[in-house]
Protein backbone atom coordinates (compact mmCIF):
# COMPACT_ATOMS: atom_id res chain seq x y z
CA UNK A 1 -2.81 -5.79 -13.36
CA UNK A 2 -4.07 -3.94 -10.31
CA UNK A 3 -7.79 -4.48 -9.62
CA UNK A 4 -9.92 -1.30 -9.26
CA UNK A 5 -10.83 -2.36 -5.74
CA UNK A 6 -9.73 -5.04 -3.29
CA UNK A 7 -11.58 -6.66 -0.38
CA UNK A 8 -9.21 -6.70 2.60
CA UNK A 9 -8.84 -9.66 4.94
CA UNK A 10 -11.26 -8.02 7.39
CA UNK A 11 -13.85 -7.22 4.69
CA UNK A 12 -13.08 -3.58 3.84
CA UNK A 13 -13.44 -2.54 0.22
CA UNK A 14 -10.31 -0.56 -0.72
CA UNK A 15 -10.38 1.64 -3.82
CA UNK A 16 -7.05 0.95 -5.56
CA UNK A 17 -7.69 3.10 -8.63
CA UNK A 18 -6.39 6.42 -7.29
CA UNK A 19 -3.06 8.01 -6.37
CA UNK A 20 -3.60 6.96 -2.76
CA UNK A 21 -5.37 4.10 -1.03
CA UNK A 22 -7.26 4.60 2.23
CA UNK A 23 -8.47 2.03 4.76
CA UNK A 24 -8.99 1.74 8.50
CA UNK A 25 -6.97 -0.37 10.92
CA UNK A 26 -10.06 -2.53 11.46
CA UNK A 27 -13.41 -3.02 9.79
CA UNK A 28 -15.33 -1.34 12.61
CA UNK A 29 -13.12 1.76 12.75
CA UNK A 30 -9.76 2.65 14.16
CA UNK A 31 -6.82 4.50 12.68
CA UNK A 32 -7.14 5.61 9.07
CA UNK A 33 -4.22 4.57 6.88
CA UNK A 34 -3.58 6.43 3.64
CA UNK A 35 -1.00 4.95 1.29
CA UNK A 36 0.25 7.82 -0.85
CA UNK A 37 2.00 6.67 -3.99
CA UNK A 38 3.55 10.13 -4.49
CA UNK A 39 5.82 9.32 -1.52
CA UNK A 40 7.46 6.48 -3.47
CA UNK A 41 9.90 8.31 -5.69
CA UNK A 42 10.85 5.36 -7.85
CA UNK A 43 10.41 4.57 -11.55
CA UNK A 44 6.79 3.97 -12.54
CA UNK A 45 7.44 0.27 -13.17
CA UNK A 46 8.62 -0.33 -9.62
CA UNK A 47 5.64 1.58 -8.18
CA UNK A 48 3.33 -0.64 -10.21
CA UNK A 49 5.05 -3.75 -8.78
CA UNK A 50 4.62 -2.45 -5.21
CA UNK A 51 0.92 -1.71 -5.89
CA UNK A 52 0.34 -5.23 -7.25
CA UNK A 53 2.14 -6.71 -4.23
CA UNK A 54 0.19 -4.65 -1.68
CA UNK A 55 -3.16 -5.21 -3.43
CA UNK A 56 -2.55 -8.95 -3.08
CA UNK A 57 -1.39 -8.59 0.55
CA UNK A 58 -4.57 -6.61 1.41
CA UNK A 59 -6.59 -9.76 0.78
CA UNK A 60 -4.51 -11.85 3.20
CA UNK A 61 -3.04 -9.55 5.86
CA UNK A 62 -4.31 -7.01 8.39
CA UNK A 63 -4.40 -3.31 7.40
CA UNK A 64 -1.61 -2.27 9.79
CA UNK A 65 0.66 -4.85 8.15
CA UNK A 66 0.00 -3.29 4.74
CA UNK A 67 0.80 0.20 6.06
CA UNK A 68 4.01 -1.18 7.59
CA UNK A 69 4.87 -2.85 4.28
CA UNK A 70 4.65 0.50 2.47
CA UNK A 71 6.88 2.03 5.13
CA UNK A 72 9.41 -0.70 4.43
CA UNK A 73 9.34 0.08 0.70
CA UNK A 74 9.80 3.80 1.46
CA UNK A 75 12.84 3.09 3.65
CA UNK A 76 14.24 0.74 1.01
CA UNK A 77 13.79 3.41 -1.68
CA UNK A 78 15.67 5.96 0.45
CA UNK A 79 18.44 3.46 1.03
CA UNK A 80 18.72 2.75 -2.71
CA UNK A 81 18.94 6.48 -3.47
CA UNK A 82 21.55 7.20 -0.80
CA UNK A 83 25.16 7.72 -1.91
CA UNK A 84 27.38 4.69 -1.53
């Protein structure tokens, strides 16, 4: 189950209930990251798994790491969809 909100490692409260999650690169400002779940064109079950994984990672890793993690999942999804 994905919690409705998560407190990041640096203390930001991230709303995880919507179709995208937004947070800054650091608590006191910086780059705004927006994780758009529409970009992950995978079955709903796999998107849910990625959300659970990243919600957990938000509590233990820095925001830029989470944004990079989503990028990795996006690249992996493109690779899976590519013709063999």
